[in-house]
C-alpha atoms as a PDB file:
ATOM      1  CA  MET A   1      16.487  14.607 -35.118  1.00  0.00           C
ATOM      2  CA  ILE A   2      13.493  15.172 -32.823  1.00  0.00           C
ATOM      3  CA  PRO A   3      10.943  12.357 -33.284  1.00  0.00           C
ATOM      4  CA  ASN A   4       7.720  13.250 -35.091  1.00  0.00           C
ATOM      5  CA  PRO A   5       4.677  12.296 -32.953  1.00  0.00           C
ATOM      6  CA  ASN A   6       2.752  11.319 -36.102  1.00  0.00           C
ATOM      7  CA  ASP A   7       5.294   8.558 -36.722  1.00  0.00           C
ATOM      8  CA  TYR A   8       4.486   6.968 -33.355  1.00  0.00           C
ATOM      9  CA  GLN A   9       0.699   7.364 -33.204  1.00  0.00           C
ATOM     10  CA  SER A  10       0.280   3.705 -34.158  1.00  0.00           C
ATOM     11  CA  LEU A  11       2.393   2.798 -31.103  1.00  0.00           C
ATOM     12  CA  VAL A  12       0.047   4.830 -28.878  1.00  0.00           C
ATOM     13  CA  GLU A  13      -2.990   3.083 -30.366  1.00  0.00           C
ATOM     14  CA  ARG A  14      -1.424  -0.357 -30.021  1.00  0.00           C
ATOM     15  CA  VAL A  15      -0.708   0.185 -26.323  1.00  0.00           C
ATOM     16  CA  ALA A  16      -4.167   1.687 -25.710  1.00  0.00           C
ATOM     17  CA  TYR A  17      -6.025  -1.186 -27.379  1.00  0.00           C
ATOM     18  CA  LYS A  18      -3.972  -3.711 -25.421  1.00  0.00           C
ATOM     19  CA  ILE A  19      -4.844  -2.063 -22.096  1.00  0.00           C
ATOM     20  CA  VAL A  20      -8.543  -1.426 -22.850  1.00  0.00           C
ATOM     21  CA  LYS A  21      -9.124  -5.190 -23.058  1.00  0.00           C
ATOM     22  CA  ARG A  22      -8.279  -5.423 -19.349  1.00  0.00           C
ATOM     23  CA  VAL A  23     -10.519  -2.692 -17.920  1.00  0.00           C
ATOM     24  CA  PRO A  24     -14.321  -2.277 -17.621  1.00  0.00           C
ATOM     25  CA  SER A  25     -16.211  -1.789 -20.888  1.00  0.00           C
ATOM     26  CA  ARG A  26     -17.279   1.727 -19.873  1.00  0.00           C
ATOM     27  CA  VAL A  27     -13.691   2.924 -20.367  1.00  0.00           C
ATOM     28  CA  ASP A  28     -13.434   4.496 -23.826  1.00  0.00           C
ATOM     29  CA  VAL A  29     -10.339   3.538 -25.779  1.00  0.00           C
ATOM     30  CA  ARG A  30     -10.287   7.076 -27.239  1.00  0.00           C
ATOM     31  CA  ASP A  31      -9.604   8.403 -23.738  1.00  0.00           C
ATOM     32  CA  LEU A  32      -6.712   5.972 -23.392  1.00  0.00           C
ATOM     33  CA  ILE A  33      -5.315   7.056 -26.752  1.00  0.00           C
ATOM     34  CA  GLY A  34      -5.504  10.663 -25.573  1.00  0.00           C
ATOM     35  CA  SER A  35      -3.642   9.814 -22.367  1.00  0.00           C
ATOM     36  CA  GLY A  36      -1.072   7.820 -24.310  1.00  0.00           C
ATOM     37  CA  THR A  37      -0.508  10.723 -26.698  1.00  0.00           C
ATOM     38  CA  VAL A  38       0.327  12.914 -23.707  1.00  0.00           C
ATOM     39  CA  GLY A  39       2.853  10.278 -22.644  1.00  0.00           C
ATOM     40  CA  LEU A  40       4.325  10.237 -26.147  1.00  0.00           C
ATOM     41  CA  LEU A  41       4.707  14.020 -26.192  1.00  0.00           C
ATOM     42  CA  ASP A  42       6.370  13.866 -22.774  1.00  0.00           C
ATOM     43  CA  ALA A  43       8.815  11.278 -24.108  1.00  0.00           C
ATOM     44  CA  ILE A  44       9.594  13.464 -27.133  1.00  0.00           C
ATOM     45  CA  GLN A  45      10.167  16.497 -24.908  1.00  0.00           C
ATOM     46  CA  LYS A  46      12.641  14.605 -22.737  1.00  0.00           C
ATOM     47  CA  TYR A  47      14.354  12.815 -25.611  1.00  0.00           C
ATOM     48  CA  ASP A  48      18.025  13.609 -26.158  1.00  0.00           C
ATOM     49  CA  PRO A  49      18.920  12.586 -29.753  1.00  0.00           C
ATOM     50  CA  GLY A  50      22.593  12.945 -28.921  1.00  0.00           C
ATOM     51  CA  ARG A  51      22.496  10.245 -26.256  1.00  0.00           C
ATOM     52  CA  ASN A  52      19.404   8.088 -26.774  1.00  0.00           C
ATOM     53  CA  ASP A  53      19.314   5.528 -29.572  1.00  0.00           C
ATOM     54  CA  ASN A  54      16.153   3.567 -28.717  1.00  0.00           C
ATOM     55  CA  PHE A  55      13.378   6.124 -28.630  1.00  0.00           C
ATOM     56  CA  GLU A  56      10.527   3.713 -29.320  1.00  0.00           C
ATOM     57  CA  ALA A  57      11.242   1.537 -26.265  1.00  0.00           C
ATOM     58  CA  TYR A  58      11.490   4.609 -24.055  1.00  0.00           C
ATOM     59  CA  ALA A  59       8.318   6.117 -25.544  1.00  0.00           C
ATOM     60  CA  GLU A  60       6.306   2.931 -24.996  1.00  0.00           C
ATOM     61  CA  ILE A  61       7.125   2.977 -21.282  1.00  0.00           C
ATOM     62  CA  ARG A  62       6.023   6.637 -21.049  1.00  0.00           C
ATOM     63  CA  ILE A  63       2.830   5.897 -23.001  1.00  0.00           C
ATOM     64  CA  LYS A  64       1.899   2.972 -20.745  1.00  0.00           C
ATOM     65  CA  GLY A  65       2.664   5.003 -17.644  1.00  0.00           C
ATOM     66  CA  ALA A  66       0.535   7.949 -18.761  1.00  0.00           C
ATOM     67  CA  ILE A  67      -2.437   5.699 -19.551  1.00  0.00           C
ATOM     68  CA  ILE A  68      -2.254   3.779 -16.273  1.00  0.00           C
ATOM     69  CA  ASP A  69      -1.842   6.978 -14.251  1.00  0.00           C
ATOM     70  CA  ASP A  70      -4.957   8.461 -15.845  1.00  0.00           C
ATOM     71  CA  LEU A  71      -6.929   5.250 -15.296  1.00  0.00           C
ATOM     72  CA  ARG A  72      -6.094   5.354 -11.616  1.00  0.00           C
ATOM     73  CA  ASN A  73      -7.052   9.029 -11.437  1.00  0.00           C
ATOM     74  CA  MET A  74     -10.397   8.202 -13.077  1.00  0.00           C
ATOM     75  CA  ASP A  75     -11.176   5.891 -10.144  1.00  0.00           C
ATOM     76  CA  TRP A  76     -12.881   3.589 -12.633  1.00  0.00           C
ATOM     77  CA  VAL A  77     -13.167   0.769 -10.082  1.00  0.00           C
ATOM     78  CA  PRO A  78     -16.410   1.044  -8.037  1.00  0.00           C
ATOM     79  CA  ARG A  79     -16.028   1.627  -4.289  1.00  0.00           C
ATOM     80  CA  SER A  80     -17.739  -1.691  -3.490  1.00  0.00           C
ATOM     81  CA  VAL A  81     -15.197  -3.556  -5.637  1.00  0.00           C
ATOM     82  CA  ARG A  82     -12.304  -1.770  -3.946  1.00  0.00           C
ATOM     83  CA  GLN A  83     -13.711  -2.704  -0.528  1.00  0.00           C
ATOM     84  CA  LYS A  84     -14.098  -6.382  -1.467  1.00  0.00           C
ATOM     85  CA  THR A  85     -10.596  -6.360  -2.948  1.00  0.00           C
ATOM     86  CA  ARG A  86      -9.127  -5.022   0.311  1.00  0.00           C
ATOM     87  CA  ILE A  87     -10.994  -7.691   2.316  1.00  0.00           C
ATOM     88  CA  LEU A  88      -9.725 -10.428   0.005  1.00  0.00           C
ATOM     89  CA  GLU A  89      -6.134  -9.163   0.136  1.00  0.00           C
ATOM     90  CA  ARG A  90      -6.247  -8.901   3.945  1.00  0.00           C
ATOM     91  CA  THR A  91      -7.716 -12.418   4.220  1.00  0.00           C
ATOM     92  CA  VAL A  92      -4.986 -13.914   2.044  1.00  0.00           C
ATOM     93  CA  LYS A  93      -2.290 -12.047   3.974  1.00  0.00           C
ATOM     94  CA  ASP A  94      -3.675 -13.265   7.333  1.00  0.00           C
ATOM     95  CA  LEU A  95      -3.812 -16.850   6.083  1.00  0.00           C
ATOM     96  CA  ARG A  96      -0.210 -16.664   4.883  1.00  0.00           C
ATOM     97  CA  VAL A  97       0.857 -15.684   8.393  1.00  0.00           C
ATOM     98  CA  GLU A  98      -1.363 -18.279  10.032  1.00  0.00           C
ATOM     99  CA  LEU A  99      -0.441 -21.194   7.731  1.00  0.00           C
ATOM    100  CA  LYS A 100       3.154 -20.121   7.008  1.00  0.00           C
ATOM    101  CA  ARG A 101       2.574 -20.937   3.338  1.00  0.00           C
ATOM    102  CA  GLU A 102       0.492 -19.820   0.369  1.00  0.00           C
ATOM    103  CA  PRO A 103      -3.189 -20.615   1.163  1.00  0.00           C
ATOM    104  CA  GLU A 104      -5.288 -22.860  -1.080  1.00  0.00           C
ATOM    105  CA  ASP A 105      -8.406 -21.502  -2.785  1.00  0.00           C
ATOM    106  CA  GLN A 106     -10.672 -23.600  -0.544  1.00  0.00           C
ATOM    107  CA  GLU A 107      -8.996 -22.227   2.578  1.00  0.00           C
ATOM    108  CA  ILE A 108      -9.510 -18.660   1.389  1.00  0.00           C
ATOM    109  CA  ALA A 109     -13.128 -19.394   0.467  1.00  0.00           C
ATOM    110  CA  THR A 110     -13.832 -20.881   3.915  1.00  0.00           C
ATOM    111  CA  LYS A 111     -12.321 -17.842   5.627  1.00  0.00           C
ATOM    112  CA  LEU A 112     -14.589 -15.592   3.532  1.00  0.00           C
ATOM    113  CA  ASN A 113     -17.646 -17.772   4.301  1.00  0.00           C
ATOM    114  CA  LEU A 114     -18.016 -18.668   0.642  1.00  0.00           C
ATOM    115  CA  ASP A 115     -18.232 -21.976  -1.172  1.00  0.00           C
ATOM    116  CA  ILE A 116     -15.522 -22.621  -3.740  1.00  0.00           C
ATOM    117  CA  ASN A 117     -17.736 -21.620  -6.683  1.00  0.00           C
ATOM    118  CA  GLY A 118     -18.703 -18.379  -4.966  1.00  0.00           C
ATOM    119  CA  TYR A 119     -15.050 -17.643  -4.278  1.00  0.00           C
ATOM    120  CA  HIS A 120     -14.040 -18.196  -7.904  1.00  0.00           C
ATOM    121  CA  GLN A 121     -16.914 -15.977  -9.048  1.00  0.00           C
ATOM    122  CA  GLN A 122     -15.793 -13.227  -6.679  1.00  0.00           C
ATOM    123  CA  ARG A 123     -12.206 -13.444  -7.939  1.00  0.00           C
ATOM    124  CA  GLN A 124     -13.486 -13.057 -11.495  1.00  0.00           C
ATOM    125  CA  GLU A 125     -15.554 -10.015 -10.506  1.00  0.00           C
ATOM    126  CA  LEU A 126     -12.603  -8.415  -8.741  1.00  0.00           C
ATOM    127  CA  ALA A 127     -10.069  -9.132 -11.496  1.00  0.00           C
ATOM    128  CA  PRO A 128     -10.357  -5.676 -13.159  1.00  0.00           C
ATOM    129  CA  ALA A 129      -9.424  -3.978  -9.863  1.00  0.00           C
ATOM    130  CA  THR A 130      -6.012  -5.618  -9.886  1.00  0.00           C
ATOM    131  CA  SER A 131      -5.352  -6.167 -13.597  1.00  0.00           C
ATOM    132  CA  LEU A 132      -3.071  -3.139 -13.981  1.00  0.00           C
ATOM    133  CA  SER A 133      -0.573  -4.003 -11.273  1.00  0.00           C
ATOM    134  CA  TRP A 134       3.101  -4.785 -11.757  1.00  0.00           C
ATOM    135  CA  ASP A 135       2.459  -8.510 -11.327  1.00  0.00           C
ATOM    136  CA  GLU A 136       2.867  -8.574 -15.137  1.00  0.00           C
ATOM    137  CA  ILE A 137       6.619  -8.190 -14.667  1.00  0.00           C
ATOM    138  CA  THR A 138       6.740 -11.388 -12.591  1.00  0.00           C
ATOM    139  CA  ASN A 139       4.167 -13.527 -14.405  1.00  0.00           C
ATOM    140  CA  ILE A 140       4.179 -14.305 -18.125  1.00  0.00           C
ATOM    141  CA  THR A 141       0.949 -14.144 -20.155  1.00  0.00           C
ATOM    142  CA  ASP A 142       0.362 -15.015 -23.799  1.00  0.00           C
ATOM    143  CA  GLN A 143      -1.357 -11.650 -24.278  1.00  0.00           C
ATOM    144  CA  GLU A 144       1.596  -9.553 -23.171  1.00  0.00           C
ATOM    145  CA  LYS A 145       4.405 -11.695 -24.659  1.00  0.00           C
ATOM    146  CA  LEU A 146       6.790 -10.460 -21.993  1.00  0.00           C
ATOM    147  CA  ALA A 147      10.361 -11.652 -21.693  1.00  0.00           C
ATOM    148  CA  THR A 148      11.019 -14.298 -19.034  1.00  0.00           C
ATOM    149  CA  PRO A 149      13.629 -13.186 -16.485  1.00  0.00           C
ATOM    150  CA  PRO A 150      16.852 -15.173 -17.021  1.00  0.00           C
ATOM    151  CA  GLU A 151      17.381 -17.880 -14.394  1.00  0.00           C
ATOM    152  CA  ASP A 152      20.603 -16.251 -13.202  1.00  0.00           C
ATOM    153  CA  SER A 153      19.014 -12.802 -12.842  1.00  0.00           C
ATOM    154  CA  PRO A 154      18.305 -11.213  -9.431  1.00  0.00           C
ATOM    155  CA  LEU A 155      14.603 -10.860 -10.275  1.00  0.00           C
ATOM    156  CA  TYR A 156      14.306 -14.564 -11.095  1.00  0.00           C
ATOM    157  CA  GLN A 157      15.840 -15.396  -7.723  1.00  0.00           C
ATOM    158  CA  LEU A 158      13.309 -13.166  -5.983  1.00  0.00           C
ATOM    159  CA  ILE A 159      10.468 -14.873  -7.864  1.00  0.00           C
ATOM    160  CA  GLN A 160      11.673 -18.259  -6.633  1.00  0.00           C
ATOM    161  CA  ARG A 161      11.864 -17.131  -2.997  1.00  0.00           C
ATOM    162  CA  HIS A 162       8.804 -14.885  -2.645  1.00  0.00           C
ATOM    163  CA  ASP A 163       5.140 -14.748  -3.560  1.00  0.00           C
ATOM    164  CA  ARG A 164       4.642 -13.286  -7.047  1.00  0.00           C
ATOM    165  CA  ALA A 165       1.764 -11.001  -6.068  1.00  0.00           C
ATOM    166  CA  LYS A 166       3.750  -9.542  -3.165  1.00  0.00           C
ATOM    167  CA  LEU A 167       6.748  -9.026  -5.433  1.00  0.00           C
ATOM    168  CA  GLY A 168       4.574  -7.275  -8.000  1.00  0.00           C
ATOM    169  CA  SER A 169       3.158  -4.989  -5.327  1.00  0.00           C
ATOM    170  CA  ALA A 170       6.672  -4.199  -4.092  1.00  0.00           C
ATOM    171  CA  VAL A 171       7.828  -3.277  -7.619  1.00  0.00           C
ATOM    172  CA  GLU A 172       4.965  -0.783  -7.847  1.00  0.00           C
ATOM    173  CA  GLN A 173       6.374   0.987  -4.787  1.00  0.00           C
ATOM    174  CA  LEU A 174       9.814   1.556  -6.308  1.00  0.00           C
ATOM    175  CA  PRO A 175      10.858   5.109  -7.254  1.00  0.00           C
ATOM    176  CA  GLU A 176       9.995   6.020 -10.856  1.00  0.00           C
ATOM    177  CA  ARG A 177      13.495   5.668 -12.290  1.00  0.00           C
ATOM    178  CA  GLU A 178      14.026   2.281 -10.654  1.00  0.00           C
ATOM    179  CA  ARG A 179      10.676   1.065 -12.022  1.00  0.00           C
ATOM    180  CA  LEU A 180      11.684   2.321 -15.467  1.00  0.00           C
ATOM    181  CA  VAL A 181      15.007   0.478 -15.410  1.00  0.00           C
ATOM    182  CA  MET A 182      13.304  -2.731 -14.236  1.00  0.00           C
ATOM    183  CA  SER A 183      10.749  -2.417 -17.017  1.00  0.00           C
ATOM    184  CA  LEU A 184      13.277  -1.734 -19.766  1.00  0.00           C
ATOM    185  CA  TYR A 185      15.530  -4.563 -18.589  1.00  0.00           C
ATOM    186  CA  TYR A 186      12.994  -7.295 -17.812  1.00  0.00           C
ATOM    187  CA  LEU A 187      10.002  -6.436 -20.001  1.00  0.00           C
ATOM    188  CA  GLU A 188      11.647  -4.825 -23.010  1.00  0.00           C
ATOM    189  CA  GLY A 189      14.787  -6.990 -22.918  1.00  0.00           C
ATOM    190  CA  LEU A 190      17.209  -4.066 -23.282  1.00  0.00           C
ATOM    191  CA  ARG A 191      20.811  -4.408 -22.185  1.00  0.00           C
ATOM    192  CA  MET A 192      22.274  -2.109 -19.559  1.00  0.00           C
ATOM    193  CA  LYS A 193      24.092  -0.086 -22.215  1.00  0.00           C
ATOM    194  CA  GLU A 194      20.886   0.318 -24.246  1.00  0.00           C
ATOM    195  CA  ILE A 195      18.958   1.400 -21.162  1.00  0.00           C
ATOM    196  CA  GLY A 196      21.614   3.996 -20.427  1.00  0.00           C
ATOM    197  CA  ALA A 197      21.233   5.392 -23.944  1.00  0.00           C
ATOM    198  CA  THR A 198      17.443   5.358 -23.591  1.00  0.00           C
ATOM    199  CA  ILE A 199      17.240   7.276 -20.313  1.00  0.00           C
ATOM    200  CA  GLY A 200      20.383   9.363 -20.775  1.00  0.00           C
ATOM    201  CA  VAL A 201      22.766   7.942 -18.161  1.00  0.00           C
ATOM    202  CA  THR A 202      25.914   5.816 -18.254  1.00  0.00           C
ATOM    203  CA  GLU A 203      25.845   2.022 -18.292  1.00  0.00           C
ATOM    204  CA  SER A 204      27.454   1.905 -14.839  1.00  0.00           C
ATOM    205  CA  ARG A 205      24.738   4.212 -13.498  1.00  0.00           C
ATOM    206  CA  VAL A 206      22.059   1.872 -14.870  1.00  0.00           C
ATOM    207  CA  SER A 207      23.748  -1.023 -13.048  1.00  0.00           C
ATOM    208  CA  GLN A 208      23.682   0.999  -9.834  1.00  0.00           C
ATOM    209  CA  ILE A 209      19.978   1.859 -10.255  1.00  0.00           C
ATOM    210  CA  HIS A 210      19.182  -1.795 -10.953  1.00  0.00           C
ATOM    211  CA  ALA A 211      21.127  -2.937  -7.888  1.00  0.00           C
ATOM    212  CA  HIS A 212      19.364  -0.365  -5.713  1.00  0.00           C
ATOM    213  CA  ALA A 213      15.991  -1.583  -7.003  1.00  0.00           C
ATOM    214  CA  ILE A 214      16.782  -5.227  -6.249  1.00  0.00           C
ATOM    215  CA  ASN A 215      18.050  -4.385  -2.752  1.00  0.00           C
ATOM    216  CA  ARG A 216      14.985  -2.261  -2.089  1.00  0.00           C
ATOM    217  CA  LEU A 217      12.705  -5.107  -3.211  1.00  0.00           C
ATOM    218  CA  LYS A 218      14.537  -7.595  -0.974  1.00  0.00           C
ATOM    219  CA  GLY A 219      14.167  -5.249   1.981  1.00  0.00           C
ATOM    220  CA  MET A 220      10.442  -4.712   1.436  1.00  0.00           C
ATOM    221  CA  LEU A 221       9.728  -8.420   0.980  1.00  0.00           C
ATOM    222  CA  GLU A 222      11.798  -9.527   3.949  1.00  0.00           C
ATOM    223  CA  SER A 223      10.226  -6.916   6.250  1.00  0.00           C
ATOM    224  CA  GLU A 224       6.749  -8.185   5.317  1.00  0.00           C
ATOM    225  CA  GLU A 225       7.699 -11.740   6.228  1.00  0.00           C
ATOM    226  CA  LYS A 226       8.998 -10.887   9.704  1.00  0.00           C
END
């Protein structure tokens, strides 16, 4: 049976209200609900009832993706904030190379010619510009209630060996299907077989996609550290 979009409108609203708390107040939640509804309809269109048995998990990923894509297209972050964010990111990256470790807040503040209070204030001001990144897959928050990667999982090993923010940025650069598999496996807690049913491929194919994603992440992270 093809899912009825009316049955999942509450899911769209739940996702939209969760995201709107993390963006500037000028963003209207009704716009996010509209974007999420488009994502829901896309999920319904691509749903194969003969193969997929977890439509809601699949739909939630599509809803989130549609909302975040539209937010980025809105360019809701002011140009001045984007510029300061780039300067901060470049400063932190340069200090990592120079110190060969993760820099302390005071070291970053000194490099930016700020006192520690001014630095913390700037980080708070810039938070909305980075709040929608994939660092949520590598860092647990009470708000999101995301599943912790198992200690024997490849992602957990990457978290132990690499900076979380860099890992989150690398995940964002993965191809769409690899990002989807990572999300369903680590955020939604689905098993490989369940993911296969959700996206319409075999369990072995999901394992291959997951392995490719992990290898790609390792390659990106290791190349940055050379």
